[in-house]
Amino acid sequence: MMHSWGVLSTGGIAQKFVAAVQSSSDVQIAAIASRDAARATEVAQKMGIPQAYGSYEALLTDPKIEAVYIALPNSLHAEWSIKAAQAGKHILCEKPLGVSRTEAEAMFEAARKHRVCLMEAFMYRFHPQTRALQELINNGTVGQVQLVRASFGFTVTDPVNVRLNAELAGGALMDVGCYCVNVVRMITGCAPHRVTAVARWAPSGVDETLLGTLEYPNGILAQVLCSLSSARHHMVQIIGSDGVIEVDEVFTPPPDQPTIIRLRHGAHATHLEEREIEPVNHFRLEAEGFVRLIRDGHGDWPDMPIVETLDNLATIEALLQSARHGQAVQIQSN
């Protein structure tokens, strides 16, 4: 049974999502909304979407819409997720879910109150490459994990880009660094108890580049690096007691090309093995995974658990606090 979706935003990520799900037998994009009616109409016609709305409120009142995909700036995620929940719509909201753990808790509470599903949209978590990575770690392929490094960056040249806007909760950590925090949380299986960070700040006041060190109660140490002024890259390296795992295209693997997981076996990491992962569109897999969550009706999905969303936002808050004040920050366990 196909579910009717609405999209809040006409930006690049929203259009990428719409294009990805057009081949799905589970998802039908029935409407798109923008604060600019002409823009909504233009994108709807371009992408074959039946209905265009000149306001987000109008889309939420459409009785045909069962679920919404929210791809608005970070600072608007909570407001429109809560309004969508109040309208009885299931919500797939772009990362990071909110600007703080407290904000995300309010969003999940609204979803529970109105009996709808809410999930943070980390599309890479649904890619077979990520599932394979999880299996390798769970199977002890490289022994006990000791160190993790995750990095994601590219260059933003437009000074009015929303990523550089402090009022819209921009910055490298919120935009691309959240992926790094997310993958490390997935690998370690727990939240850090202490973080330290340094940052280079953009003229607008957001972090342009940030490097963070995370300490975990199970003894694992991790580094996250993110930048809006670097050459494009995204990678993760997992160093265990008996080998190393490396992935270069970890967060946005190309939908039309295979990707490679590199394994270096043994304490000396001398034997190289490469595993090829077939290409697939992870935006489509994410949307279909969310549809299964709606059908199951249990409120949480193992590919993107609620506890991880909350832990990651607490970690992001702590990293920014550390970078601003120049000292380590303890994270309280919940």
C-alpha atoms as a PDB file:
ATOM      1  CA  MET A   1       0.000   0.000   0.000  1.00  0.00           C
ATOM      2  CA  MET A   2       1.433   3.355  -1.052  1.00  0.00           C
ATOM      3  CA  HIS A   3       1.624   6.178   1.503  1.00  0.00           C
ATOM      4  CA  SER A   4       0.991   9.807   0.504  1.00  0.00           C
ATOM      5  CA  TRP A   5       3.728  12.187   1.619  1.00  0.00           C
ATOM      6  CA  GLY A   6       4.143  15.915   1.718  1.00  0.00           C
ATOM      7  CA  VAL A   7       7.488  17.724   1.628  1.00  0.00           C
ATOM      8  CA  LEU A   8       8.212  20.880   3.620  1.00  0.00           C
ATOM      9  CA  SER A   9      10.951  22.692   1.662  1.00  0.00           C
ATOM     10  CA  THR A  10      11.897  23.087  -1.968  1.00  0.00           C
ATOM     11  CA  GLY A  11      15.655  23.094  -1.336  1.00  0.00           C
ATOM     12  CA  GLY A  12      18.302  20.840  -2.795  1.00  0.00           C
ATOM     13  CA  ILE A  13      18.018  18.031  -0.239  1.00  0.00           C
ATOM     14  CA  ALA A  14      14.219  18.031  -0.541  1.00  0.00           C
ATOM     15  CA  GLN A  15      14.449  17.672  -4.318  1.00  0.00           C
ATOM     16  CA  LYS A  16      17.040  14.908  -3.998  1.00  0.00           C
ATOM     17  CA  PHE A  17      14.690  13.054  -1.649  1.00  0.00           C
ATOM     18  CA  VAL A  18      11.723  13.452  -4.019  1.00  0.00           C
ATOM     19  CA  ALA A  19      13.747  12.197  -6.988  1.00  0.00           C
ATOM     20  CA  ALA A  20      14.949   9.188  -4.989  1.00  0.00           C
ATOM     21  CA  VAL A  21      11.507   7.969  -3.913  1.00  0.00           C
ATOM     22  CA  GLN A  22       9.829   8.340  -7.307  1.00  0.00           C
ATOM     23  CA  SER A  23      10.733   4.712  -8.062  1.00  0.00           C
ATOM     24  CA  SER A  24       9.352   3.447  -4.740  1.00  0.00           C
ATOM     25  CA  SER A  25       6.195   1.357  -4.517  1.00  0.00           C
ATOM     26  CA  ASP A  26       5.712   2.488  -0.898  1.00  0.00           C
ATOM     27  CA  VAL A  27       6.002   6.279  -1.137  1.00  0.00           C
ATOM     28  CA  GLN A  28       4.082   8.788  -3.239  1.00  0.00           C
ATOM     29  CA  ILE A  29       4.974  12.466  -2.993  1.00  0.00           C
ATOM     30  CA  ALA A  30       1.541  14.090  -3.191  1.00  0.00           C
ATOM     31  CA  ALA A  31       2.405  17.681  -2.221  1.00  0.00           C
ATOM     32  CA  ILE A  32       5.252  20.104  -1.640  1.00  0.00           C
ATOM     33  CA  ALA A  33       5.248  23.384   0.279  1.00  0.00           C
ATOM     34  CA  SER A  34       7.282  26.571   0.373  1.00  0.00           C
ATOM     35  CA  ARG A  35       6.738  29.991   1.903  1.00  0.00           C
ATOM     36  CA  ASP A  36       6.938  31.175  -1.711  1.00  0.00           C
ATOM     37  CA  ALA A  37       3.925  29.851  -3.665  1.00  0.00           C
ATOM     38  CA  ALA A  38       5.610  30.461  -7.019  1.00  0.00           C
ATOM     39  CA  ARG A  39       8.641  28.491  -5.932  1.00  0.00           C
ATOM     40  CA  ALA A  40       6.463  25.607  -4.706  1.00  0.00           C
ATOM     41  CA  THR A  41       4.606  25.543  -8.031  1.00  0.00           C
ATOM     42  CA  GLU A  42       7.850  25.635 -10.013  1.00  0.00           C
ATOM     43  CA  VAL A  43       9.363  22.673  -8.144  1.00  0.00           C
ATOM     44  CA  ALA A  44       6.080  20.722  -8.198  1.00  0.00           C
ATOM     45  CA  GLN A  45       5.852  21.058 -11.977  1.00  0.00           C
ATOM     46  CA  LYS A  46       9.531  20.211 -12.420  1.00  0.00           C
ATOM     47  CA  MET A  47       9.268  17.037 -10.333  1.00  0.00           C
ATOM     48  CA  GLY A  48       5.750  15.916 -11.213  1.00  0.00           C
ATOM     49  CA  ILE A  49       4.242  16.546  -7.779  1.00  0.00           C
ATOM     50  CA  PRO A  50       0.428  16.919  -7.978  1.00  0.00           C
ATOM     51  CA  GLN A  51      -0.058  19.664  -5.368  1.00  0.00           C
ATOM     52  CA  ALA A  52       1.923  22.795  -4.453  1.00  0.00           C
ATOM     53  CA  TYR A  53       1.278  24.912  -1.361  1.00  0.00           C
ATOM     54  CA  GLY A  54       2.443  28.447  -0.593  1.00  0.00           C
ATOM     55  CA  SER A  55       2.671  27.765   3.132  1.00  0.00           C
ATOM     56  CA  TYR A  56       3.668  24.882   5.371  1.00  0.00           C
ATOM     57  CA  GLU A  57       0.412  25.224   7.318  1.00  0.00           C
ATOM     58  CA  ALA A  58      -1.634  24.614   4.178  1.00  0.00           C
ATOM     59  CA  LEU A  59       0.141  21.350   3.465  1.00  0.00           C
ATOM     60  CA  LEU A  60      -0.394  20.133   7.032  1.00  0.00           C
ATOM     61  CA  THR A  61      -4.147  20.651   6.702  1.00  0.00           C
ATOM     62  CA  ASP A  62      -4.322  18.438   3.585  1.00  0.00           C
ATOM     63  CA  PRO A  63      -6.220  15.285   4.708  1.00  0.00           C
ATOM     64  CA  LYS A  64      -4.602  13.179   1.979  1.00  0.00           C
ATOM     65  CA  ILE A  65      -1.134  13.602   3.455  1.00  0.00           C
ATOM     66  CA  GLU A  66      -0.155  10.798   5.837  1.00  0.00           C
ATOM     67  CA  ALA A  67       3.516  11.658   6.387  1.00  0.00           C
ATOM     68  CA  VAL A  68       5.816  14.620   5.894  1.00  0.00           C
ATOM     69  CA  TYR A  69       9.491  14.940   5.092  1.00  0.00           C
ATOM     70  CA  ILE A  70      10.934  18.062   6.711  1.00  0.00           C
ATOM     71  CA  ALA A  71      14.072  19.479   5.079  1.00  0.00           C
ATOM     72  CA  LEU A  72      13.930  23.006   6.500  1.00  0.00           C
ATOM     73  CA  PRO A  73      16.851  24.831   8.174  1.00  0.00           C
ATOM     74  CA  ASN A  74      17.932  23.305  11.495  1.00  0.00           C
ATOM     75  CA  SER A  75      16.329  25.992  13.644  1.00  0.00           C
ATOM     76  CA  LEU A  76      12.879  25.198  12.191  1.00  0.00           C
ATOM     77  CA  HIS A  77      12.901  21.431  12.684  1.00  0.00           C
ATOM     78  CA  ALA A  78      11.291  21.427  16.115  1.00  0.00           C
ATOM     79  CA  GLU A  79       8.578  23.966  15.331  1.00  0.00           C
ATOM     80  CA  TRP A  80       7.354  22.210  12.199  1.00  0.00           C
ATOM     81  CA  SER A  81       7.790  18.678  13.478  1.00  0.00           C
ATOM     82  CA  ILE A  82       5.606  19.501  16.461  1.00  0.00           C
ATOM     83  CA  LYS A  83       3.027  21.196  14.227  1.00  0.00           C
ATOM     84  CA  ALA A  84       3.055  18.176  11.925  1.00  0.00           C
ATOM     85  CA  ALA A  85       2.499  15.863  14.896  1.00  0.00           C
ATOM     86  CA  GLN A  86      -0.398  18.019  16.047  1.00  0.00           C
ATOM     87  CA  ALA A  87      -1.859  17.684  12.547  1.00  0.00           C
ATOM     88  CA  GLY A  88      -1.618  13.891  12.830  1.00  0.00           C
ATOM     89  CA  LYS A  89       1.177  13.469  10.285  1.00  0.00           C
ATOM     90  CA  HIS A  90       4.073  11.054  10.641  1.00  0.00           C
ATOM     91  CA  ILE A  91       7.399  12.900  10.460  1.00  0.00           C
ATOM     92  CA  LEU A  92      10.721  12.106   8.844  1.00  0.00           C
ATOM     93  CA  CYS A  93      12.847  15.114   9.805  1.00  0.00           C
ATOM     94  CA  GLU A  94      16.261  15.942   8.431  1.00  0.00           C
ATOM     95  CA  LYS A  95      19.308  15.760  10.647  1.00  0.00           C
ATOM     96  CA  PRO A  96      20.077  17.048  13.158  1.00  0.00           C
ATOM     97  CA  LEU A  97      16.602  16.462  14.553  1.00  0.00           C
ATOM     98  CA  GLY A  98      16.786  19.565  16.758  1.00  0.00           C
ATOM     99  CA  VAL A  99      19.290  22.058  18.082  1.00  0.00           C
ATOM    100  CA  SER A 100      19.454  20.444  21.538  1.00  0.00           C
ATOM    101  CA  ARG A 101      18.558  17.276  23.393  1.00  0.00           C
ATOM    102  CA  THR A 102      15.801  19.157  25.232  1.00  0.00           C
ATOM    103  CA  GLU A 103      14.265  20.284  21.945  1.00  0.00           C
ATOM    104  CA  ALA A 104      14.353  16.739  20.549  1.00  0.00           C
ATOM    105  CA  GLU A 105      12.709  15.367  23.692  1.00  0.00           C
ATOM    106  CA  ALA A 106       9.840  17.815  23.180  1.00  0.00           C
ATOM    107  CA  MET A 107       9.517  16.670  19.572  1.00  0.00           C
ATOM    108  CA  PHE A 108       9.358  12.987  20.516  1.00  0.00           C
ATOM    109  CA  GLU A 109       6.851  13.778  23.265  1.00  0.00           C
ATOM    110  CA  ALA A 110       4.602  15.560  20.740  1.00  0.00           C
ATOM    111  CA  ALA A 111       4.824  12.537  18.444  1.00  0.00           C
ATOM    112  CA  ARG A 112       3.884  10.167  21.272  1.00  0.00           C
ATOM    113  CA  LYS A 113       1.024  12.396  22.384  1.00  0.00           C
ATOM    114  CA  HIS A 114      -0.492  12.525  18.914  1.00  0.00           C
ATOM    115  CA  ARG A 115       0.311   8.883  18.112  1.00  0.00           C
ATOM    116  CA  VAL A 116       2.535   9.503  15.116  1.00  0.00           C
ATOM    117  CA  CYS A 117       6.035   8.327  14.247  1.00  0.00           C
ATOM    118  CA  LEU A 118       9.014  10.677  14.257  1.00  0.00           C
ATOM    119  CA  MET A 119      12.472   9.730  13.008  1.00  0.00           C
ATOM    120  CA  GLU A 120      15.689  11.620  12.362  1.00  0.00           C
ATOM    121  CA  ALA A 121      16.676  11.371   8.694  1.00  0.00           C
ATOM    122  CA  PHE A 122      20.208   9.977   8.590  1.00  0.00           C
ATOM    123  CA  MET A 123      19.839   8.316   5.208  1.00  0.00           C
ATOM    124  CA  TYR A 124      23.258   6.636   5.245  1.00  0.00           C
ATOM    125  CA  ARG A 125      22.104   4.422   8.137  1.00  0.00           C
ATOM    126  CA  PHE A 126      19.873   2.530   5.664  1.00  0.00           C
ATOM    127  CA  HIS A 127      22.610   1.876   3.102  1.00  0.00           C
ATOM    128  CA  PRO A 128      23.890  -1.734   2.825  1.00  0.00           C
ATOM    129  CA  GLN A 129      27.397  -0.358   3.369  1.00  0.00           C
ATOM    130  CA  THR A 130      26.431   0.865   6.832  1.00  0.00           C
ATOM    131  CA  ARG A 131      24.738  -2.433   7.658  1.00  0.00           C
ATOM    132  CA  ALA A 132      27.885  -4.282   6.558  1.00  0.00           C
ATOM    133  CA  LEU A 133      30.006  -1.986   8.717  1.00  0.00           C
ATOM    134  CA  GLN A 134      27.824  -2.722  11.735  1.00  0.00           C
ATOM    135  CA  GLU A 135      28.082  -6.469  11.125  1.00  0.00           C
ATOM    136  CA  LEU A 136      31.871  -6.330  10.873  1.00  0.00           C
ATOM    137  CA  ILE A 137      32.098  -4.560  14.223  1.00  0.00           C
ATOM    138  CA  ASN A 138      29.527  -6.784  15.935  1.00  0.00           C
ATOM    139  CA  ASN A 139      31.322  -9.893  14.655  1.00  0.00           C
ATOM    140  CA  GLY A 140      34.640  -8.742  16.106  1.00  0.00           C
ATOM    141  CA  THR A 141      36.303  -8.716  12.675  1.00  0.00           C
ATOM    142  CA  VAL A 142      38.996  -6.279  13.872  1.00  0.00           C
ATOM    143  CA  GLY A 143      38.936  -7.353  17.500  1.00  0.00           C
ATOM    144  CA  GLN A 144      38.078  -4.895  20.261  1.00  0.00           C
ATOM    145  CA  VAL A 145      37.499  -1.391  18.915  1.00  0.00           C
ATOM    146  CA  GLN A 146      40.084   1.007  20.344  1.00  0.00           C
ATOM    147  CA  LEU A 147      39.961   4.166  18.237  1.00  0.00           C
ATOM    148  CA  VAL A 148      37.529   5.733  15.782  1.00  0.00           C
ATOM    149  CA  ARG A 149      38.102   8.659  13.441  1.00  0.00           C
ATOM    150  CA  ALA A 150      35.291  10.197  11.412  1.00  0.00           C
ATOM    151  CA  SER A 151      35.567  13.230   9.155  1.00  0.00           C
ATOM    152  CA  PHE A 152      33.236  15.091   6.789  1.00  0.00           C
ATOM    153  CA  GLY A 153      33.795  18.388   5.056  1.00  0.00           C
ATOM    154  CA  PHE A 154      33.445  20.488   1.941  1.00  0.00           C
ATOM    155  CA  THR A 155      33.694  24.167   1.021  1.00  0.00           C
ATOM    156  CA  VAL A 156      30.837  26.660   1.304  1.00  0.00           C
ATOM    157  CA  THR A 157      31.669  29.736  -0.765  1.00  0.00           C
ATOM    158  CA  ASP A 158      28.406  31.702  -0.491  1.00  0.00           C
ATOM    159  CA  PRO A 159      28.458  33.851   2.682  1.00  0.00           C
ATOM    160  CA  VAL A 160      24.632  33.873   2.844  1.00  0.00           C
ATOM    161  CA  ASN A 161      24.370  30.090   2.698  1.00  0.00           C
ATOM    162  CA  VAL A 162      22.102  28.811   5.486  1.00  0.00           C
ATOM    163  CA  ARG A 163      24.980  26.632   6.740  1.00  0.00           C
ATOM    164  CA  LEU A 164      26.811  29.800   7.800  1.00  0.00           C
ATOM    165  CA  ASN A 165      23.764  31.409   9.416  1.00  0.00           C
ATOM    166  CA  ALA A 166      23.886  31.399  13.214  1.00  0.00           C
ATOM    167  CA  GLU A 167      20.182  32.286  13.550  1.00  0.00           C
ATOM    168  CA  LEU A 168      19.283  29.171  11.537  1.00  0.00           C
ATOM    169  CA  ALA A 169      21.548  26.976  13.720  1.00  0.00           C
ATOM    170  CA  GLY A 170      24.186  26.512  11.053  1.00  0.00           C
ATOM    171  CA  GLY A 171      27.819  25.551  11.415  1.00  0.00           C
ATOM    172  CA  ALA A 172      30.048  22.661  10.436  1.00  0.00           C
ATOM    173  CA  LEU A 173      29.138  20.469  13.399  1.00  0.00           C
ATOM    174  CA  MET A 174      25.388  20.833  12.912  1.00  0.00           C
ATOM    175  CA  ASP A 175      25.601  20.343   9.144  1.00  0.00           C
ATOM    176  CA  VAL A 176      28.216  17.645   8.508  1.00  0.00           C
ATOM    177  CA  GLY A 177      29.786  16.960  11.884  1.00  0.00           C
ATOM    178  CA  CYS A 178      26.521  15.488  13.122  1.00  0.00           C
ATOM    179  CA  TYR A 179      27.160  12.585  10.719  1.00  0.00           C
ATOM    180  CA  CYS A 180      30.517  11.982  12.379  1.00  0.00           C
ATOM    181  CA  VAL A 181      29.007  12.046  15.859  1.00  0.00           C
ATOM    182  CA  ASN A 182      26.266   9.729  14.638  1.00  0.00           C
ATOM    183  CA  VAL A 183      28.536   7.087  13.136  1.00  0.00           C
ATOM    184  CA  VAL A 184      30.797   7.059  16.188  1.00  0.00           C
ATOM    185  CA  ARG A 185      27.763   6.550  18.455  1.00  0.00           C
ATOM    186  CA  MET A 186      26.701   3.655  16.222  1.00  0.00           C
ATOM    187  CA  ILE A 187      30.155   2.071  16.397  1.00  0.00           C
ATOM    188  CA  THR A 188      30.769   2.525  20.122  1.00  0.00           C
ATOM    189  CA  GLY A 189      27.242   1.570  21.182  1.00  0.00           C
ATOM    190  CA  CYS A 190      27.079   4.257  23.880  1.00  0.00           C
ATOM    191  CA  ALA A 191      27.312   8.000  24.494  1.00  0.00           C
ATOM    192  CA  PRO A 192      30.628   9.655  25.407  1.00  0.00           C
ATOM    193  CA  HIS A 193      31.099  10.778  28.996  1.00  0.00           C
ATOM    194  CA  ARG A 194      33.590  13.563  28.216  1.00  0.00           C
ATOM    195  CA  VAL A 195      34.431  15.648  25.142  1.00  0.00           C
ATOM    196  CA  THR A 196      36.986  18.278  24.188  1.00  0.00           C
ATOM    197  CA  ALA A 197      36.848  20.430  21.058  1.00  0.00           C
ATOM    198  CA  VAL A 198      38.568  23.265  19.227  1.00  0.00           C
ATOM    199  CA  ALA A 199      37.040  25.283  16.415  1.00  0.00           C
ATOM    200  CA  ARG A 200      37.763  27.937  13.831  1.00  0.00           C
ATOM    201  CA  TRP A 201      34.852  30.361  13.725  1.00  0.00           C
ATOM    202  CA  ALA A 202      33.265  31.976  10.663  1.00  0.00           C
ATOM    203  CA  PRO A 203      32.553  35.740  10.673  1.00  0.00           C
ATOM    204  CA  SER A 204      28.868  34.908  11.199  1.00  0.00           C
ATOM    205  CA  GLY A 205      29.707  33.239  14.513  1.00  0.00           C
ATOM    206  CA  VAL A 206      29.194  29.594  13.551  1.00  0.00           C
ATOM    207  CA  ASP A 207      31.907  26.964  13.666  1.00  0.00           C
ATOM    208  CA  GLU A 208      33.506  26.802  10.230  1.00  0.00           C
ATOM    209  CA  THR A 209      35.812  23.929  11.188  1.00  0.00           C
ATOM    210  CA  LEU A 210      35.715  21.829  14.344  1.00  0.00           C
ATOM    211  CA  LEU A 211      37.774  18.988  15.746  1.00  0.00           C
ATOM    212  CA  GLY A 212      36.503  17.060  18.730  1.00  0.00           C
ATOM    213  CA  THR A 213      37.884  14.307  20.948  1.00  0.00           C
ATOM    214  CA  LEU A 214      35.342  11.980  22.549  1.00  0.00           C
ATOM    215  CA  GLU A 215      35.982   9.656  25.497  1.00  0.00           C
ATOM    216  CA  TYR A 216      33.669   6.694  26.064  1.00  0.00           C
ATOM    217  CA  PRO A 217      32.932   4.752  29.244  1.00  0.00           C
ATOM    218  CA  ASN A 218      33.916   1.496  27.501  1.00  0.00           C
ATOM    219  CA  GLY A 219      37.433   2.857  26.911  1.00  0.00           C
ATOM    220  CA  ILE A 220      37.081   3.771  23.233  1.00  0.00           C
ATOM    221  CA  LEU A 221      38.524   7.100  22.103  1.00  0.00           C
ATOM    222  CA  ALA A 222      37.248   8.909  19.020  1.00  0.00           C
ATOM    223  CA  GLN A 223      37.957  11.978  16.946  1.00  0.00           C
ATOM    224  CA  VAL A 224      35.384  13.818  14.860  1.00  0.00           C
ATOM    225  CA  LEU A 225      36.479  16.382  12.295  1.00  0.00           C
ATOM    226  CA  CYS A 226      34.170  18.578  10.245  1.00  0.00           C
ATOM    227  CA  SER A 227      34.568  21.614   8.053  1.00  0.00           C
ATOM    228  CA  LEU A 228      32.763  23.973   5.721  1.00  0.00           C
ATOM    229  CA  SER A 229      36.075  25.222   4.277  1.00  0.00           C
ATOM    230  CA  SER A 230      37.862  22.033   3.241  1.00  0.00           C
ATOM    231  CA  ALA A 231      38.088  19.884   0.149  1.00  0.00           C
ATOM    232  CA  ARG A 232      35.129  17.531  -0.054  1.00  0.00           C
ATOM    233  CA  HIS A 233      35.667  14.304   1.858  1.00  0.00           C
ATOM    234  CA  HIS A 234      33.818  11.935   4.162  1.00  0.00           C
ATOM    235  CA  MET A 235      35.398   8.928   5.811  1.00  0.00           C
ATOM    236  CA  VAL A 236      35.491   6.709   8.860  1.00  0.00           C
ATOM    237  CA  GLN A 237      38.383   4.674  10.231  1.00  0.00           C
ATOM    238  CA  ILE A 238      37.861   2.063  12.939  1.00  0.00           C
ATOM    239  CA  ILE A 239      41.028   0.800  14.606  1.00  0.00           C
ATOM    240  CA  GLY A 240      40.702  -2.393  16.591  1.00  0.00           C
ATOM    241  CA  SER A 241      43.043  -4.655  18.521  1.00  0.00           C
ATOM    242  CA  ASP A 242      43.273  -6.993  15.531  1.00  0.00           C
ATOM    243  CA  GLY A 243      42.768  -4.890  12.417  1.00  0.00           C
ATOM    244  CA  VAL A 244      41.477  -1.713  10.800  1.00  0.00           C
ATOM    245  CA  ILE A 245      38.305  -0.866   8.858  1.00  0.00           C
ATOM    246  CA  GLU A 246      38.258   2.111   6.480  1.00  0.00           C
ATOM    247  CA  VAL A 247      35.436   3.562   4.384  1.00  0.00           C
ATOM    248  CA  ASP A 248      35.964   6.635   2.195  1.00  0.00           C
ATOM    249  CA  GLU A 249      32.386   7.209   0.970  1.00  0.00           C
ATOM    250  CA  VAL A 250      30.609   6.562   4.231  1.00  0.00           C
ATOM    251  CA  PHE A 251      27.933   9.263   4.536  1.00  0.00           C
ATOM    252  CA  THR A 252      26.859  10.063   0.973  1.00  0.00           C
ATOM    253  CA  PRO A 253      27.765   7.004  -1.096  1.00  0.00           C
ATOM    254  CA  PRO A 254      26.993   7.519  -4.795  1.00  0.00           C
ATOM    255  CA  PRO A 255      23.694   5.903  -5.837  1.00  0.00           C
ATOM    256  CA  ASP A 256      25.116   4.792  -9.192  1.00  0.00           C
ATOM    257  CA  GLN A 257      28.553   3.440  -8.249  1.00  0.00           C
ATOM    258  CA  PRO A 258      29.731   0.672  -5.928  1.00  0.00           C
ATOM    259  CA  THR A 259      31.632   1.588  -2.778  1.00  0.00           C
ATOM    260  CA  ILE A 260      34.468  -0.202  -1.006  1.00  0.00           C
ATOM    261  CA  ILE A 261      35.029  -1.230   2.608  1.00  0.00           C
ATOM    262  CA  ARG A 262      38.753  -1.821   3.236  1.00  0.00           C
ATOM    263  CA  LEU A 263      39.788  -4.323   5.906  1.00  0.00           C
ATOM    264  CA  ARG A 264      43.340  -4.609   7.155  1.00  0.00           C
ATOM    265  CA  HIS A 265      43.612  -7.790   9.213  1.00  0.00           C
ATOM    266  CA  GLY A 266      45.876  -8.651  12.118  1.00  0.00           C
ATOM    267  CA  ALA A 267      47.670  -6.666  14.785  1.00  0.00           C
ATOM    268  CA  HIS A 268      50.111  -5.456  12.118  1.00  0.00           C
ATOM    269  CA  ALA A 269      47.251  -4.715   9.666  1.00  0.00           C
ATOM    270  CA  THR A 270      49.265  -6.229   6.830  1.00  0.00           C
ATOM    271  CA  HIS A 271      46.627  -8.276   4.990  1.00  0.00           C
ATOM    272  CA  LEU A 272      44.328  -6.076   2.902  1.00  0.00           C
ATOM    273  CA  GLU A 273      40.822  -7.210   1.985  1.00  0.00           C
ATOM    274  CA  GLU A 274      38.347  -5.100   0.025  1.00  0.00           C
ATOM    275  CA  ARG A 275      34.602  -5.683   0.046  1.00  0.00           C
ATOM    276  CA  GLU A 276      32.528  -4.100  -2.694  1.00  0.00           C
ATOM    277  CA  ILE A 277      29.045  -2.807  -1.883  1.00  0.00           C
ATOM    278  CA  GLU A 278      26.571  -2.553  -4.735  1.00  0.00           C
ATOM    279  CA  PRO A 279      25.101   0.915  -5.432  1.00  0.00           C
ATOM    280  CA  VAL A 280      21.645   1.808  -4.149  1.00  0.00           C
ATOM    281  CA  ASN A 281      19.774   5.017  -3.378  1.00  0.00           C
ATOM    282  CA  HIS A 282      19.826   5.336   0.401  1.00  0.00           C
ATOM    283  CA  PHE A 283      17.235   8.152   0.411  1.00  0.00           C
ATOM    284  CA  ARG A 284      14.723   5.681  -1.025  1.00  0.00           C
ATOM    285  CA  LEU A 285      15.713   2.985   1.481  1.00  0.00           C
ATOM    286  CA  GLU A 286      15.341   5.502   4.301  1.00  0.00           C
ATOM    287  CA  ALA A 287      11.818   6.491   3.180  1.00  0.00           C
ATOM    288  CA  GLU A 288      10.786   2.859   2.807  1.00  0.00           C
ATOM    289  CA  GLY A 289      12.244   2.073   6.218  1.00  0.00           C
ATOM    290  CA  PHE A 290      10.172   4.865   7.706  1.00  0.00           C
ATOM    291  CA  VAL A 291       7.052   3.463   6.022  1.00  0.00           C
ATOM    292  CA  ARG A 292       7.757   0.126   7.734  1.00  0.00           C
ATOM    293  CA  LEU A 293       8.067   1.957  11.031  1.00  0.00           C
ATOM    294  CA  ILE A 294       4.644   3.541  10.461  1.00  0.00           C
ATOM    295  CA  ARG A 295       3.120   0.170   9.587  1.00  0.00           C
ATOM    296  CA  ASP A 296       4.670  -1.542  12.610  1.00  0.00           C
ATOM    297  CA  GLY A 297       3.444   1.271  14.829  1.00  0.00           C
ATOM    298  CA  HIS A 298       5.981   0.722  17.610  1.00  0.00           C
ATOM    299  CA  GLY A 299       7.476   4.217  17.522  1.00  0.00           C
ATOM    300  CA  ASP A 300      11.171   3.319  17.221  1.00  0.00           C
ATOM    301  CA  TRP A 301      13.272   1.880  14.425  1.00  0.00           C
ATOM    302  CA  PRO A 302      16.516  -0.062  14.984  1.00  0.00           C
ATOM    303  CA  ASP A 303      18.250   1.617  12.038  1.00  0.00           C
ATOM    304  CA  MET A 304      17.945   5.036  13.694  1.00  0.00           C
ATOM    305  CA  PRO A 305      17.028   4.585  17.377  1.00  0.00           C
ATOM    306  CA  ILE A 306      15.575   7.428  19.440  1.00  0.00           C
ATOM    307  CA  VAL A 307      18.212   6.972  22.148  1.00  0.00           C
ATOM    308  CA  GLU A 308      20.969   7.644  19.615  1.00  0.00           C
ATOM    309  CA  THR A 309      19.299  10.841  18.421  1.00  0.00           C
ATOM    310  CA  LEU A 310      19.112  12.101  22.016  1.00  0.00           C
ATOM    311  CA  ASP A 311      22.679  11.055  22.861  1.00  0.00           C
ATOM    312  CA  ASN A 312      24.038  12.653  19.712  1.00  0.00           C
ATOM    313  CA  LEU A 313      22.372  16.004  20.341  1.00  0.00           C
ATOM    314  CA  ALA A 314      23.747  16.041  23.887  1.00  0.00           C
ATOM    315  CA  THR A 315      27.188  15.300  22.413  1.00  0.00           C
ATOM    316  CA  ILE A 316      26.878  18.093  19.835  1.00  0.00           C
ATOM    317  CA  GLU A 317      25.888  20.562  22.561  1.00  0.00           C
ATOM    318  CA  ALA A 318      28.886  19.520  24.655  1.00  0.00           C
ATOM    319  CA  LEU A 319      31.326  19.785  21.746  1.00  0.00           C
ATOM    320  CA  LEU A 320      30.183  23.320  20.922  1.00  0.00           C
ATOM    321  CA  GLN A 321      30.374  24.298  24.586  1.00  0.00           C
ATOM    322  CA  SER A 322      33.904  22.933  24.814  1.00  0.00           C
ATOM    323  CA  ALA A 323      34.995  24.736  21.647  1.00  0.00           C
ATOM    324  CA  ARG A 324      33.571  28.034  22.877  1.00  0.00           C
ATOM    325  CA  HIS A 325      35.015  27.871  26.384  1.00  0.00           C
ATOM    326  CA  GLY A 326      38.258  26.007  25.790  1.00  0.00           C
ATOM    327  CA  GLN A 327      37.774  23.237  28.302  1.00  0.00           C
ATOM    328  CA  ALA A 328      36.578  19.654  28.491  1.00  0.00           C
ATOM    329  CA  VAL A 329      32.865  19.067  29.075  1.00  0.00           C
ATOM    330  CA  GLN A 330      31.375  16.147  30.996  1.00  0.00           C
ATOM    331  CA  ILE A 331      28.172  14.632  29.626  1.00  0.00           C
ATOM    332  CA  GLN A 332      25.692  13.393  32.199  1.00  0.00           C
ATOM    333  CA  SER A 333      24.363   9.880  31.602  1.00  0.00           C
ATOM    334  CA  ASN A 334      20.597   9.575  31.150  1.00  0.00           C
END
